[in-house]
Amino acid sequence: MFFTYVLQSLKDGKFYIGHAENVTKRLAQHNAGRVSSTKRRVPFRLLHKQEFFTKNEARWQEKKWKTAWGHKQLAKIISPS
């Protein structure tokens, strides 16, 4: 299984969207500062994850969530009103 996930930096409150096969391991990598794009914003907490059968599906969802339309959809998922 593969996942698309959303993290929130506890330092600056900003979000990070990614995909991985093992979200727990990937979150640990982010929080250990071993991911160059997020190392200055640690620590992170996992806000949301979505499971997929293939890596391509997870990657597609990541790209979709990174669009303006995807940000709106993701905001509804993360903080439903």
Protein backbone atom coordinates (compact mmCIF):
# COMPACT_ATOMS: atom_id res chain seq x y z
CA MET A 1 0.00 0.00 0.00
CA PHE A 2 1.02 3.59 -0.61
CA PHE A 3 -0.12 6.78 1.06
CA THR A 4 -0.48 10.46 0.38
CA TYR A 5 -0.03 12.39 3.60
CA VAL A 6 -0.32 15.90 5.01
CA LEU A 7 1.99 17.15 7.75
CA GLN A 8 1.83 20.36 9.72
CA SER A 9 4.92 22.05 11.08
CA LEU A 10 4.61 22.76 14.79
CA LYS A 11 7.23 25.49 14.32
CA ASP A 12 5.50 27.66 11.71
CA GLY A 13 2.08 26.01 11.19
CA LYS A 14 2.67 25.45 7.48
CA PHE A 15 1.68 22.25 5.69
CA TYR A 16 3.71 19.71 3.75
CA ILE A 17 2.14 17.23 1.31
CA GLY A 18 3.96 14.07 0.26
CA HIS A 19 3.59 10.39 -0.58
CA ALA A 20 5.28 7.32 0.86
CA GLU A 21 4.90 3.61 1.37
CA ASN A 22 5.46 3.83 5.13
CA VAL A 23 4.06 7.04 6.61
CA THR A 24 5.33 6.36 10.13
CA LYS A 25 8.90 5.93 8.88
CA ARG A 26 8.61 8.97 6.61
CA LEU A 27 7.30 11.15 9.46
CA ALA A 28 10.27 10.06 11.57
CA GLN A 29 12.60 11.09 8.72
CA HIS A 30 10.95 14.50 8.50
CA ASN A 31 11.17 15.02 12.27
CA ALA A 32 14.81 13.90 12.37
CA GLY A 33 15.68 16.63 9.85
CA ARG A 34 16.68 14.13 7.16
CA VAL A 35 14.39 15.62 4.48
CA SER A 36 16.03 18.67 2.93
CA SER A 37 12.77 20.42 2.01
CA THR A 38 11.45 20.32 5.59
CA LYS A 39 14.48 20.19 7.89
CA ARG A 40 14.21 23.86 8.90
CA ARG A 41 10.56 23.45 9.95
CA VAL A 42 10.67 20.48 12.35
CA PRO A 43 8.85 19.10 14.29
CA PHE A 44 5.83 17.91 12.31
CA ARG A 45 2.57 16.21 13.14
CA LEU A 46 0.54 14.02 10.82
CA LEU A 47 -2.79 15.64 9.96
CA HIS A 48 -4.16 13.29 7.32
CA LYS A 49 -3.26 10.28 5.22
CA GLN A 50 -5.04 8.53 2.37
CA GLU A 51 -4.29 4.98 1.26
CA PHE A 52 -3.81 3.81 -2.35
CA PHE A 53 -3.00 0.51 -4.03
CA THR A 54 -0.26 1.89 -6.29
CA LYS A 55 2.52 4.46 -6.01
CA ASN A 56 1.20 6.23 -9.12
CA GLU A 57 -2.21 6.75 -7.48
CA ALA A 58 -0.56 8.20 -4.37
CA ARG A 59 1.66 10.45 -6.48
CA TRP A 60 -1.35 11.63 -8.51
CA GLN A 61 -3.23 12.52 -5.32
CA GLU A 62 -0.20 14.43 -4.01
CA LYS A 63 -0.05 16.50 -7.19
CA LYS A 64 -3.79 17.11 -7.03
CA TRP A 65 -3.63 18.32 -3.40
CA LYS A 66 -0.86 20.76 -4.33
CA THR A 67 -3.13 22.66 -6.75
CA ALA A 68 -5.34 25.59 -5.71
CA TRP A 69 -8.44 23.42 -6.12
CA GLY A 70 -6.77 20.61 -4.16
CA HIS A 71 -5.91 22.97 -1.30
CA LYS A 72 -9.60 23.85 -0.99
CA GLN A 73 -10.64 20.20 -1.01
CA LEU A 74 -7.96 19.29 1.50
CA ALA A 75 -9.05 22.12 3.82
CA LYS A 76 -12.54 20.57 3.89
CA ILE A 77 -11.07 17.18 4.81
CA ILE A 78 -8.71 18.46 7.49
CA SER A 79 -11.08 20.88 9.20
CA PRO A 80 -14.69 20.04 8.30
CA SER A 81 -17.21 22.69 9.38
